[in-house]
């Protein structure tokens, strides 16, 4: 029922930018806080950024000032604008309802390398 489809990943050089999208369906999107997570090779999934139903935002210290999370409740879509990318940002990025441990999508891969 719940579907989360991430897109927008790719290969970029350090210092570059990328915009990720997450198309959500199967639930009333506007009522849920949403988050972006990422998982690097050999590491656990970590929280990157969150946005509430009232558009409040929070970020991991490692991405503050570089990433911006936003949402479009008409399109049922979550976004992550990533600027000044670093090699350590390399990971598969996932979106989900905040604090949910199920219904994960396939993610979108971001590789930052020169």
Protein backbone atom coordinates (compact mmCIF):
# COMPACT_ATOMS: atom_id res chain seq x y z
CA UNK A 1 0.00 0.00 0.00
CA UNK A 2 2.58 2.56 1.09
CA UNK A 3 5.01 3.38 -1.69
CA UNK A 4 8.09 5.57 -1.51
CA UNK A 5 10.02 6.10 -4.72
CA UNK A 6 13.30 7.98 -4.52
CA UNK A 7 14.97 9.52 -7.56
CA UNK A 8 17.55 12.09 -8.59
CA UNK A 9 20.76 10.42 -7.47
CA UNK A 10 23.86 10.18 -9.58
CA UNK A 11 27.58 10.82 -9.84
CA UNK A 12 28.79 14.31 -8.98
CA UNK A 13 32.13 15.95 -8.27
CA UNK A 14 33.01 17.32 -4.83
CA UNK A 15 31.46 20.75 -4.45
CA UNK A 16 28.65 19.90 -6.82
CA UNK A 17 24.90 19.86 -6.24
CA UNK A 18 22.10 17.37 -6.58
CA UNK A 19 18.35 17.46 -5.94
CA UNK A 20 16.64 14.29 -4.74
CA UNK A 21 12.91 13.62 -4.97
CA UNK A 22 10.66 11.17 -3.14
CA UNK A 23 7.22 10.39 -4.54
CA UNK A 24 4.91 9.14 -1.78
CA UNK A 25 1.60 7.31 -1.98
CA UNK A 26 -0.63 5.06 0.11
CA UNK A 27 -1.02 7.44 3.04
CA UNK A 28 -2.14 11.00 3.72
CA UNK A 29 1.20 12.62 3.01
CA UNK A 30 0.42 16.08 4.41
CA UNK A 31 -0.29 14.69 7.90
CA UNK A 32 3.08 13.03 8.39
CA UNK A 33 6.51 14.29 9.30
CA UNK A 34 8.97 13.06 6.69
CA UNK A 35 12.68 12.33 6.73
CA UNK A 36 15.64 11.60 4.49
CA UNK A 37 18.05 8.88 5.55
CA UNK A 38 21.24 7.59 4.02
CA UNK A 39 23.30 4.45 4.23
CA UNK A 40 26.94 4.30 3.21
CA UNK A 41 28.73 1.01 2.46
CA UNK A 42 29.48 -0.86 5.69
CA UNK A 43 27.57 1.61 7.83
CA UNK A 44 24.15 1.76 9.44
CA UNK A 45 21.38 3.89 8.06
CA UNK A 46 21.51 7.41 9.50
CA UNK A 47 19.04 10.26 9.71
CA UNK A 48 19.96 13.17 7.44
CA UNK A 49 17.06 15.61 7.68
CA UNK A 50 13.42 15.83 8.75
CA UNK A 51 10.49 18.08 8.00
CA UNK A 52 7.28 18.26 10.01
CA UNK A 53 3.71 18.57 8.87
CA UNK A 54 3.98 22.27 9.73
CA UNK A 55 7.23 22.56 7.76
CA UNK A 56 9.62 22.73 10.70
CA UNK A 57 13.00 21.27 9.74
CA UNK A 58 15.96 19.60 11.40
CA UNK A 59 19.31 18.41 10.05
CA UNK A 60 22.19 16.19 10.99
CA UNK A 61 25.22 18.25 12.01
CA UNK A 62 27.20 16.87 9.09
CA UNK A 63 24.85 18.40 6.50
CA UNK A 64 23.70 21.62 8.16
CA UNK A 65 24.17 24.60 5.90
CA UNK A 66 24.59 22.40 2.84
CA UNK A 67 21.33 20.43 2.53
CA UNK A 68 17.75 21.69 2.47
CA UNK A 69 14.69 19.49 2.97
CA UNK A 70 11.33 20.60 1.60
CA UNK A 71 7.95 19.18 0.67
CA UNK A 72 5.11 19.75 -1.75
CA UNK A 73 1.90 18.47 -0.20
CA UNK A 74 -0.07 18.92 -3.42
CA UNK A 75 2.33 16.68 -5.33
CA UNK A 76 2.90 14.33 -2.36
CA UNK A 77 6.62 14.75 -2.92
CA UNK A 78 9.57 15.22 -0.58
CA UNK A 79 12.79 16.89 -1.75
CA UNK A 80 16.38 17.14 -0.62
CA UNK A 81 18.54 19.84 -2.16
CA UNK A 82 22.19 18.94 -1.64
CA UNK A 83 24.88 21.57 -2.20
CA UNK A 84 28.64 21.61 -1.62
CA UNK A 85 28.72 17.84 -1.77
CA UNK A 86 31.59 15.97 -0.18
CA UNK A 87 32.91 12.44 -0.77
CA UNK A 88 31.58 11.46 2.66
CA UNK A 89 28.06 12.19 1.40
CA UNK A 90 28.34 9.12 -0.82
CA UNK A 91 25.50 6.77 0.13
CA UNK A 92 22.14 5.39 -0.87
CA UNK A 93 19.50 7.91 0.14
CA UNK A 94 16.05 6.89 1.36
CA UNK A 95 12.92 8.78 2.33
CA UNK A 96 10.30 7.68 4.84
CA UNK A 97 7.81 8.83 7.42
CA UNK A 98 9.73 9.99 10.46
CA UNK A 99 10.42 7.20 12.96
CA UNK A 100 8.97 4.47 10.76
CA UNK A 101 11.02 1.28 10.46
CA UNK A 102 9.06 -0.27 7.63
CA UNK A 103 7.88 0.45 4.09
CA UNK A 104 11.34 1.37 2.84
CA UNK A 105 11.79 2.09 -0.84
CA UNK A 106 14.79 1.13 -2.93
CA UNK A 107 16.61 4.42 -2.39
CA UNK A 108 18.64 6.45 -4.85
CA UNK A 109 22.41 6.26 -5.00
CA UNK A 110 24.57 9.35 -4.64
CA UNK A 111 28.26 9.11 -5.45
CA UNK A 112 30.52 12.10 -4.83
CA UNK A 113 33.90 11.56 -6.46
CA UNK A 114 36.43 13.28 -8.67
